[in-house]
Amino acid sequence: MMNYRQNRLKNDEPTVCAYCNRPINIGSAAIEHLVPESMRSFAEPEPGNLLFACAECNSLVPRDIQFIRYLSALMERHPEFHDIENDGLVGDDVRYRADIATFRGRKRAQKRLIIKCKSFAEFTPSRVRTTLDQLRLFEAVGDDVQLVLAFPGMLDDSSSTLFKEANIEVWDALRIFDTFEVQIADLSDPTFQKVFLEIRDRVSIEQRLIRRLENCPAGADNWIEYQNLIGVILKHLFSPPLMEPLVEHSDATKVNRRDFIFPNYADDKFWQFLRHRYSADYIVVDAKNHSKRVKKDHVSQLANYLKGAGVGKFGVIACRNGPDKGAAITAREQWLIYGKLVIFVTSHDLERMLLAKAAQGDPTKILTDIIQDFRLSI
């Protein structure tokens, strides 16, 4: 932030801090430009481009820089992120300076991210408004960009809703820890490593997974994140007794490929029953991150992989909202004609299973109910 004074501003004029909303006089405030003077459009009115900050919030800037560097270092060690740039210029007509600009995902589905970093853990309403204004400036960069707020704290539900409505991803302390757990453990830092490791001790893994599921946006752009998350959740719930899954495995034709295949050699009553009743020597899972209901083609694709002499005749479609009418009919046909059982596990089902696990209950009871409801509906 800049500590100079504008001649036209009166030192005793009252205002409020743009970040904490506390009353201050302009004479004692630090002045920041929402868009740096070197990059703003001349058509942009200057008064609306000024922010005033109290001394306490102004002192956070060095900590912000430390957080930017720390998060960038975590991303550099993570295989999902590449071309990471700190304090880089983005945009064509008007250039804006991003705390972090990067790409996430594989080349066929990669997404450019522009990340705004805040080092404070508490978001007051005024901080929410100011941060939203700062991030909205980057909307002019293009529709192919995902805006992200990253900070080492937690948002209340109403603030989270405001960012979601603005299509801004929020990387709070839980999401950062869950995304970079391995990197955080390996990368020493005098401030932020401790912050994120304490999150691990305060919040159960089930709560973290539920929150990650809630925060993962539905849609094709986030299919990799959703697929990876489904794998993490199912491994936490069921491995053991199931063995570690085979990921994105295809059959001999190389045409049919499934997201996860869990070898099932378990002596547990539920998994043993599936093996004996449905030839489920393997539990086959597809993850569908569609905002709408699953279609019949998705059921047919999974059913084509299910073979009595192969993986067995039991498959799971993990999805947001369950099947549409056509998919439900196709699932019934696969069972009645071919003896192949395809069930749908929704986000609500996954949450119930995680809550059961957290309470030292049996998450397979949820699967039992899903199978029972399907069979009784025939």
Protein backbone atom coordinates (compact mmCIF):
# COMPACT_ATOMS: atom_id res chain seq x y z
CA MET A 1 0.00 0.00 0.00
CA MET A 2 1.11 3.57 -0.63
CA ASN A 3 1.66 6.05 2.25
CA TYR A 4 1.49 9.32 0.31
CA ARG A 5 -1.26 11.94 0.49
CA GLN A 6 -3.36 13.36 -2.28
CA ASN A 7 -3.37 17.18 -2.05
CA ARG A 8 -7.07 17.35 -2.83
CA LEU A 9 -7.95 15.10 0.17
CA LYS A 10 -8.45 16.68 3.57
CA ASN A 11 -6.44 14.99 6.34
CA ASP A 12 -9.28 15.27 8.85
CA GLU A 13 -11.94 13.94 6.48
CA PRO A 14 -13.58 10.83 8.01
CA THR A 15 -13.75 7.55 6.13
CA VAL A 16 -13.63 3.83 6.92
CA CYS A 17 -10.97 1.19 6.34
CA ALA A 18 -11.73 -0.69 3.12
CA TYR A 19 -10.81 -4.01 4.75
CA CYS A 20 -12.05 -3.98 8.38
CA ASN A 21 -14.66 -1.17 8.08
CA ARG A 22 -13.37 0.69 11.16
CA PRO A 23 -13.64 4.51 11.15
CA ILE A 24 -10.40 6.35 10.30
CA ASN A 25 -9.31 9.82 9.14
CA ILE A 26 -7.81 10.13 5.69
CA GLY A 27 -4.80 11.80 7.27
CA SER A 28 -3.92 8.60 9.16
CA ALA A 29 -4.88 6.17 6.38
CA ALA A 30 -2.72 4.33 3.90
CA ILE A 31 -3.90 4.83 0.31
CA GLU A 32 -4.10 1.98 -2.18
CA HIS A 33 -5.27 1.97 -5.77
CA LEU A 34 -7.79 -0.69 -6.69
CA VAL A 35 -6.16 -0.73 -10.13
CA PRO A 36 -2.50 0.40 -10.06
CA GLU A 37 -1.97 3.81 -11.64
CA SER A 38 0.42 2.35 -14.21
CA MET A 39 -2.23 -0.03 -15.50
CA ARG A 40 -5.57 1.71 -15.18
CA SER A 41 -7.60 3.07 -18.08
CA PHE A 42 -7.55 6.89 -18.39
CA ALA A 43 -11.33 6.74 -18.71
CA GLU A 44 -11.58 5.32 -15.22
CA PRO A 45 -12.54 7.95 -12.61
CA GLU A 46 -9.83 8.31 -9.97
CA PRO A 47 -12.01 8.72 -6.82
CA GLY A 48 -13.57 5.31 -7.36
CA ASN A 49 -10.11 3.82 -7.75
CA LEU A 50 -8.91 4.76 -4.22
CA LEU A 51 -8.99 2.52 -1.16
CA PHE A 52 -8.14 3.66 2.36
CA ALA A 53 -6.71 1.28 4.93
CA CYS A 54 -6.03 1.54 8.66
CA ALA A 55 -2.51 0.94 9.96
CA GLU A 56 -3.33 -2.60 11.12
CA CYS A 57 -4.66 -3.75 7.76
CA ASN A 58 -1.86 -1.92 5.95
CA SER A 59 0.67 -3.94 7.97
CA LEU A 60 -0.75 -7.16 6.49
CA VAL A 61 0.86 -6.53 3.11
CA PRO A 62 4.21 -8.21 3.92
CA ARG A 63 2.22 -11.20 5.22
CA ASP A 64 0.22 -11.23 1.97
CA ILE A 65 3.47 -11.42 0.01
CA GLN A 66 4.67 -14.27 2.22
CA PHE A 67 1.39 -16.12 1.63
CA ILE A 68 1.60 -15.61 -2.14
CA ARG A 69 5.11 -17.05 -2.20
CA TYR A 70 4.14 -19.95 0.05
CA LEU A 71 1.06 -20.90 -2.00
CA SER A 72 3.07 -20.61 -5.23
CA ALA A 73 5.70 -22.95 -3.80
CA LEU A 74 2.99 -25.49 -2.91
CA MET A 75 1.60 -25.29 -6.44
CA GLU A 76 5.02 -25.75 -8.01
CA ARG A 77 5.32 -29.05 -6.14
CA HIS A 78 1.83 -30.23 -7.14
CA PRO A 79 1.39 -32.13 -10.44
CA GLU A 80 -1.98 -30.50 -11.28
CA PHE A 81 -0.55 -26.96 -11.66
CA HIS A 82 1.88 -25.57 -14.21
CA ASP A 83 3.10 -22.28 -15.72
CA ILE A 84 2.85 -20.55 -12.35
CA GLU A 85 3.52 -16.81 -12.40
CA ASN A 86 3.60 -14.43 -9.44
CA ASP A 87 2.61 -10.79 -9.72
CA GLY A 88 2.13 -11.18 -13.45
CA LEU A 89 0.26 -8.91 -15.86
CA VAL A 90 -2.91 -10.34 -17.43
CA GLY A 91 -5.35 -8.89 -19.94
CA ASP A 92 -5.04 -7.25 -23.35
CA ASP A 93 -6.74 -3.85 -23.56
CA VAL A 94 -6.29 -3.12 -19.85
CA ARG A 95 -3.52 -4.89 -17.97
CA TYR A 96 -4.13 -6.11 -14.42
CA ARG A 97 -1.65 -7.53 -11.98
CA ALA A 98 -2.57 -10.97 -10.60
CA ASP A 99 -1.15 -12.28 -7.32
CA ILE A 100 -0.82 -15.71 -8.96
CA ALA A 101 -1.68 -16.77 -12.51
CA THR A 102 -1.45 -20.45 -13.38
CA PHE A 103 -2.98 -23.36 -15.27
CA ARG A 104 -4.69 -26.31 -13.58
CA GLY A 105 -5.34 -29.75 -15.01
CA ARG A 106 -4.28 -31.81 -17.95
CA LYS A 107 -3.85 -30.28 -21.36
CA ARG A 108 -7.14 -31.55 -22.76
CA ALA A 109 -9.10 -29.97 -19.89
CA GLN A 110 -6.77 -27.37 -18.41
CA LYS A 111 -8.13 -24.16 -16.92
CA ARG A 112 -6.37 -20.85 -16.43
CA LEU A 113 -6.63 -19.56 -12.87
CA ILE A 114 -6.21 -16.02 -11.59
CA ILE A 115 -5.73 -16.16 -7.83
CA LYS A 116 -6.21 -13.31 -5.36
CA CYS A 117 -4.39 -14.02 -2.08
CA LYS A 118 -5.41 -12.62 1.29
CA SER A 119 -3.38 -13.52 4.37
CA PHE A 120 -6.00 -12.66 6.98
CA ALA A 121 -8.13 -15.44 8.45
CA GLU A 122 -11.26 -13.37 9.12
CA PHE A 123 -13.52 -11.95 6.42
CA THR A 124 -15.65 -9.05 7.61
CA PRO A 125 -18.51 -7.91 5.32
CA SER A 126 -16.42 -4.96 4.13
CA ARG A 127 -13.49 -7.26 3.34
CA VAL A 128 -15.86 -9.47 1.34
CA ARG A 129 -17.12 -6.48 -0.65
CA THR A 130 -13.64 -5.11 -1.32
CA THR A 131 -12.26 -8.50 -2.35
CA LEU A 132 -15.21 -9.11 -4.67
CA ASP A 133 -14.60 -5.72 -6.30
CA GLN A 134 -10.92 -6.51 -6.75
CA LEU A 135 -11.63 -9.89 -8.31
CA ARG A 136 -14.37 -8.58 -10.59
CA LEU A 137 -11.81 -6.36 -12.28
CA PHE A 138 -10.33 -9.50 -13.79
CA GLU A 139 -13.60 -10.47 -15.50
CA ALA A 140 -12.44 -8.34 -18.43
CA VAL A 141 -9.54 -10.75 -19.00
CA GLY A 142 -11.84 -13.34 -20.63
CA ASP A 143 -14.43 -16.07 -20.13
CA ASP A 144 -11.83 -18.85 -20.20
CA VAL A 145 -10.42 -17.74 -16.81
CA GLN A 146 -11.44 -19.04 -13.40
CA LEU A 147 -11.15 -16.47 -10.60
CA VAL A 148 -9.98 -17.77 -7.22
CA LEU A 149 -9.81 -16.32 -3.72
CA ALA A 150 -7.17 -18.03 -1.54
CA PHE A 151 -6.81 -17.32 2.18
CA PRO A 152 -5.80 -19.23 5.35
CA GLY A 153 -9.17 -19.04 7.14
CA MET A 154 -12.84 -20.00 6.86
CA LEU A 155 -15.82 -18.21 5.31
CA ASP A 156 -19.29 -18.06 6.79
CA ASP A 157 -22.14 -19.43 4.66
CA SER A 158 -23.49 -16.05 3.56
CA SER A 159 -20.05 -14.86 2.38
CA SER A 160 -19.46 -18.18 0.60
CA THR A 161 -22.74 -17.69 -1.24
CA LEU A 162 -21.66 -14.24 -2.47
CA PHE A 163 -18.46 -15.64 -3.98
CA LYS A 164 -20.28 -18.62 -5.53
CA GLU A 165 -22.85 -16.30 -7.12
CA ALA A 166 -19.93 -14.36 -8.63
CA ASN A 167 -18.48 -17.65 -9.97
CA ILE A 168 -15.36 -17.25 -7.82
CA GLU A 169 -13.71 -20.35 -6.39
CA VAL A 170 -12.83 -20.06 -2.72
CA TRP A 171 -9.69 -21.77 -1.50
CA ASP A 172 -10.11 -21.55 2.25
CA ALA A 173 -7.78 -23.19 4.77
CA LEU A 174 -9.54 -26.55 4.50
CA ARG A 175 -9.46 -26.65 0.73
CA ILE A 176 -5.82 -25.59 0.57
CA PHE A 177 -4.85 -28.26 3.10
CA ASP A 178 -6.82 -31.00 1.31
CA THR A 179 -5.38 -30.03 -2.08
CA PHE A 180 -1.77 -29.65 -0.93
CA GLU A 181 -1.59 -32.01 2.08
CA VAL A 182 1.57 -33.75 0.88
CA GLN A 183 3.25 -30.51 -0.15
CA ILE A 184 2.38 -28.75 3.14
CA ALA A 185 3.96 -31.58 5.13
CA ASP A 186 7.16 -31.34 3.07
CA LEU A 187 7.53 -27.57 2.70
CA SER A 188 8.77 -25.76 5.79
CA ASP A 189 7.36 -22.30 6.50
CA PRO A 190 7.54 -20.34 9.78
CA THR A 191 3.94 -19.11 9.56
CA PHE A 192 1.59 -20.88 7.18
CA GLN A 193 2.73 -24.49 7.53
CA LYS A 194 1.63 -24.39 11.17
CA VAL A 195 -1.72 -22.79 10.23
CA PHE A 196 -2.60 -25.57 7.81
CA LEU A 197 -1.30 -28.42 9.95
CA GLU A 198 -3.50 -27.20 12.79
CA ILE A 199 -6.48 -27.49 10.46
CA ARG A 200 -5.73 -31.19 10.16
CA ASP A 201 -5.89 -31.56 13.94
CA ARG A 202 -9.08 -29.52 14.44
CA VAL A 203 -11.30 -30.89 11.66
CA SER A 204 -12.08 -34.53 10.93
CA ILE A 205 -11.22 -35.92 7.51
CA GLU A 206 -14.91 -36.67 6.94
CA GLN A 207 -15.84 -33.03 7.51
CA ARG A 208 -13.10 -31.94 5.14
CA LEU A 209 -14.27 -34.35 2.44
CA ILE A 210 -17.88 -33.20 2.78
CA ARG A 211 -16.76 -29.59 2.45
CA ARG A 212 -14.63 -30.42 -0.60
CA LEU A 213 -17.61 -32.14 -2.21
CA GLU A 214 -19.80 -29.10 -1.53
CA ASN A 215 -17.16 -26.71 -2.92
CA CYS A 216 -16.35 -28.69 -6.07
CA PRO A 217 -18.34 -27.03 -8.89
CA ALA A 218 -20.52 -29.27 -11.05
CA GLY A 219 -19.80 -29.31 -14.77
CA ALA A 220 -17.31 -30.43 -17.39
CA ASP A 221 -14.67 -27.87 -16.43
CA ASN A 222 -14.18 -29.55 -13.05
CA TRP A 223 -14.49 -33.22 -14.01
CA ILE A 224 -10.88 -34.02 -13.04
CA GLU A 225 -11.26 -32.47 -9.59
CA TYR A 226 -14.55 -34.32 -9.05
CA GLN A 227 -13.19 -37.66 -10.28
CA ASN A 228 -10.14 -37.39 -8.04
CA LEU A 229 -12.34 -36.42 -5.10
CA ILE A 230 -14.65 -39.41 -5.63
CA GLY A 231 -11.58 -41.67 -5.59
CA VAL A 232 -10.37 -40.13 -2.32
CA ILE A 233 -13.81 -40.44 -0.70
CA LEU A 234 -14.39 -44.06 -1.72
CA LYS A 235 -10.88 -45.09 -0.66
CA HIS A 236 -11.45 -43.47 2.73
CA LEU A 237 -14.81 -45.19 3.13
CA PHE A 238 -14.01 -48.66 1.84
CA SER A 239 -10.25 -49.32 1.50
CA PRO A 240 -9.78 -51.47 3.47
CA PRO A 241 -11.57 -53.87 3.27
CA LEU A 242 -11.49 -53.27 -0.50
CA MET A 243 -8.06 -53.09 -2.09
CA GLU A 244 -6.57 -49.94 -3.59
CA PRO A 245 -8.38 -49.07 -6.85
CA LEU A 246 -7.12 -49.33 -10.39
CA VAL A 247 -7.58 -45.87 -11.92
CA GLU A 248 -8.90 -45.24 -15.48
CA HIS A 249 -8.55 -48.89 -16.43
CA SER A 250 -9.73 -50.12 -19.87
CA ASP A 251 -10.68 -53.57 -21.12
CA ALA A 252 -8.92 -55.45 -23.93
CA THR A 253 -10.78 -53.54 -26.64
CA LYS A 254 -9.48 -50.21 -25.23
CA VAL A 255 -12.98 -48.88 -25.95
CA ASN A 256 -14.51 -49.34 -22.50
CA ARG A 257 -12.66 -47.48 -19.75
CA ARG A 258 -13.83 -46.93 -16.20
CA ASP A 259 -12.71 -44.38 -13.63
CA PHE A 260 -12.09 -46.73 -10.68
CA ILE A 261 -12.02 -50.50 -10.19
CA PHE A 262 -11.72 -51.72 -6.59
CA PRO A 263 -10.61 -55.38 -6.27
CA ASN A 264 -13.04 -57.08 -3.88
CA TYR A 265 -11.48 -59.94 -1.90
CA ALA A 266 -13.04 -58.80 1.38
CA ASP A 267 -14.43 -61.18 4.00
CA ASP A 268 -16.80 -58.47 5.20
CA LYS A 269 -20.42 -59.68 4.95
CA PHE A 270 -21.59 -56.90 2.63
CA TRP A 271 -18.74 -57.16 0.13
CA GLN A 272 -18.80 -60.95 0.30
CA PHE A 273 -22.52 -60.89 -0.51
CA LEU A 274 -21.86 -58.66 -3.55
CA ARG A 275 -19.17 -61.05 -4.72
CA HIS A 276 -21.41 -64.11 -4.42
CA ARG A 277 -24.69 -62.54 -5.62
CA TYR A 278 -23.46 -60.26 -8.42
CA SER A 279 -20.09 -61.83 -9.29
CA ALA A 280 -18.58 -58.59 -8.01
CA ASP A 281 -14.96 -59.62 -7.72
CA TYR A 282 -14.37 -55.98 -8.60
CA ILE A 283 -16.38 -52.88 -7.71
CA VAL A 284 -16.54 -50.70 -10.84
CA VAL A 285 -17.14 -46.96 -10.37
CA ASP A 286 -17.74 -44.11 -12.80
CA ALA A 287 -17.74 -40.48 -11.63
CA LYS A 288 -20.07 -38.09 -13.47
CA ASN A 289 -19.75 -34.44 -12.52
CA HIS A 290 -22.83 -33.29 -14.44
CA SER A 291 -24.97 -30.48 -13.07
CA LYS A 292 -28.01 -32.27 -14.55
CA ARG A 293 -29.12 -35.83 -13.98
CA VAL A 294 -27.24 -38.81 -15.41
CA LYS A 295 -28.37 -39.95 -18.89
CA LYS A 296 -29.10 -43.45 -20.18
CA ASP A 297 -25.92 -43.45 -22.30
CA HIS A 298 -23.84 -43.27 -19.12
CA VAL A 299 -25.58 -46.37 -17.78
CA SER A 300 -25.04 -48.24 -21.06
CA GLN A 301 -21.34 -47.32 -21.12
CA LEU A 302 -20.79 -48.70 -17.64
CA ALA A 303 -22.92 -51.78 -18.32
CA ASN A 304 -20.82 -52.59 -21.41
CA TYR A 305 -17.82 -52.98 -19.12
CA LEU A 306 -19.62 -55.32 -16.69
CA LYS A 307 -19.07 -58.98 -17.60
CA GLY A 308 -19.62 -62.07 -15.49
CA ALA A 309 -16.32 -63.56 -16.65
CA GLY A 310 -14.53 -60.24 -16.16
CA VAL A 311 -15.00 -57.66 -13.43
CA GLY A 312 -18.47 -58.92 -12.53
CA LYS A 313 -21.97 -57.52 -12.89
CA PHE A 314 -22.05 -54.74 -10.30
CA GLY A 315 -21.28 -51.10 -11.02
CA VAL A 316 -21.66 -47.69 -9.34
CA ILE A 317 -22.25 -44.30 -10.92
CA ALA A 318 -21.20 -41.52 -8.52
CA CYS A 319 -23.08 -38.38 -9.55
CA ARG A 320 -24.56 -35.14 -8.33
CA ASN A 321 -28.30 -35.65 -8.65
CA GLY A 322 -29.06 -39.25 -9.63
CA PRO A 323 -30.52 -40.57 -12.91
CA ASP A 324 -33.08 -39.05 -15.22
CA LYS A 325 -36.05 -41.15 -16.31
CA GLY A 326 -34.23 -42.67 -19.30
CA ALA A 327 -31.21 -43.68 -17.20
CA ALA A 328 -33.44 -45.23 -14.54
CA ILE A 329 -35.25 -47.29 -17.18
CA THR A 330 -31.96 -48.40 -18.74
CA ALA A 331 -30.65 -49.50 -15.33
CA ARG A 332 -33.79 -51.62 -14.85
CA GLU A 333 -33.39 -53.15 -18.31
CA GLN A 334 -29.75 -54.04 -17.64
CA TRP A 335 -30.80 -55.86 -14.48
CA LEU A 336 -33.87 -57.62 -15.90
CA ILE A 337 -32.33 -58.70 -19.21
CA TYR A 338 -28.62 -59.15 -18.44
CA GLY A 339 -28.46 -59.45 -14.65
CA LYS A 340 -26.17 -56.40 -14.42
CA LEU A 341 -26.81 -54.15 -11.40
CA VAL A 342 -25.93 -50.45 -11.82
CA ILE A 343 -26.70 -48.19 -8.86
CA PHE A 344 -26.51 -44.41 -8.51
CA VAL A 345 -24.72 -42.83 -5.54
CA THR A 346 -25.49 -39.11 -5.23
CA SER A 347 -23.65 -36.37 -3.36
CA HIS A 348 -26.23 -36.68 -0.59
CA ASP A 349 -25.51 -40.42 -0.33
CA LEU A 350 -21.77 -39.76 -0.11
CA GLU A 351 -22.32 -37.19 2.62
CA ARG A 352 -24.45 -39.67 4.60
CA MET A 353 -21.74 -42.33 4.26
CA LEU A 354 -19.04 -39.93 5.43
CA LEU A 355 -21.13 -38.89 8.42
CA ALA A 356 -21.67 -42.56 9.25
CA LYS A 357 -17.92 -43.17 9.06
CA ALA A 358 -17.25 -40.15 11.29
CA ALA A 359 -19.64 -41.58 13.90
CA GLN A 360 -17.86 -44.98 13.71
CA GLY A 361 -20.89 -46.42 11.93
CA ASP A 362 -21.09 -48.61 8.83
CA PRO A 363 -21.26 -46.64 5.54
CA THR A 364 -22.13 -49.83 3.61
CA LYS A 365 -25.60 -49.58 5.20
CA ILE A 366 -26.24 -46.64 2.84
CA LEU A 367 -25.28 -48.79 -0.15
CA THR A 368 -27.51 -51.58 1.16
CA ASP A 369 -30.47 -49.18 1.21
CA ILE A 370 -29.73 -47.99 -2.34
CA ILE A 371 -29.61 -51.56 -3.66
CA GLN A 372 -32.73 -52.50 -1.71
CA ASP A 373 -34.67 -49.51 -3.01
CA PHE A 374 -33.67 -50.38 -6.56
CA ARG A 375 -34.63 -54.04 -6.28
CA LEU A 376 -37.97 -53.29 -4.63
CA SER A 377 -38.81 -50.82 -7.40
CA ILE A 378 -38.64 -53.51 -10.11
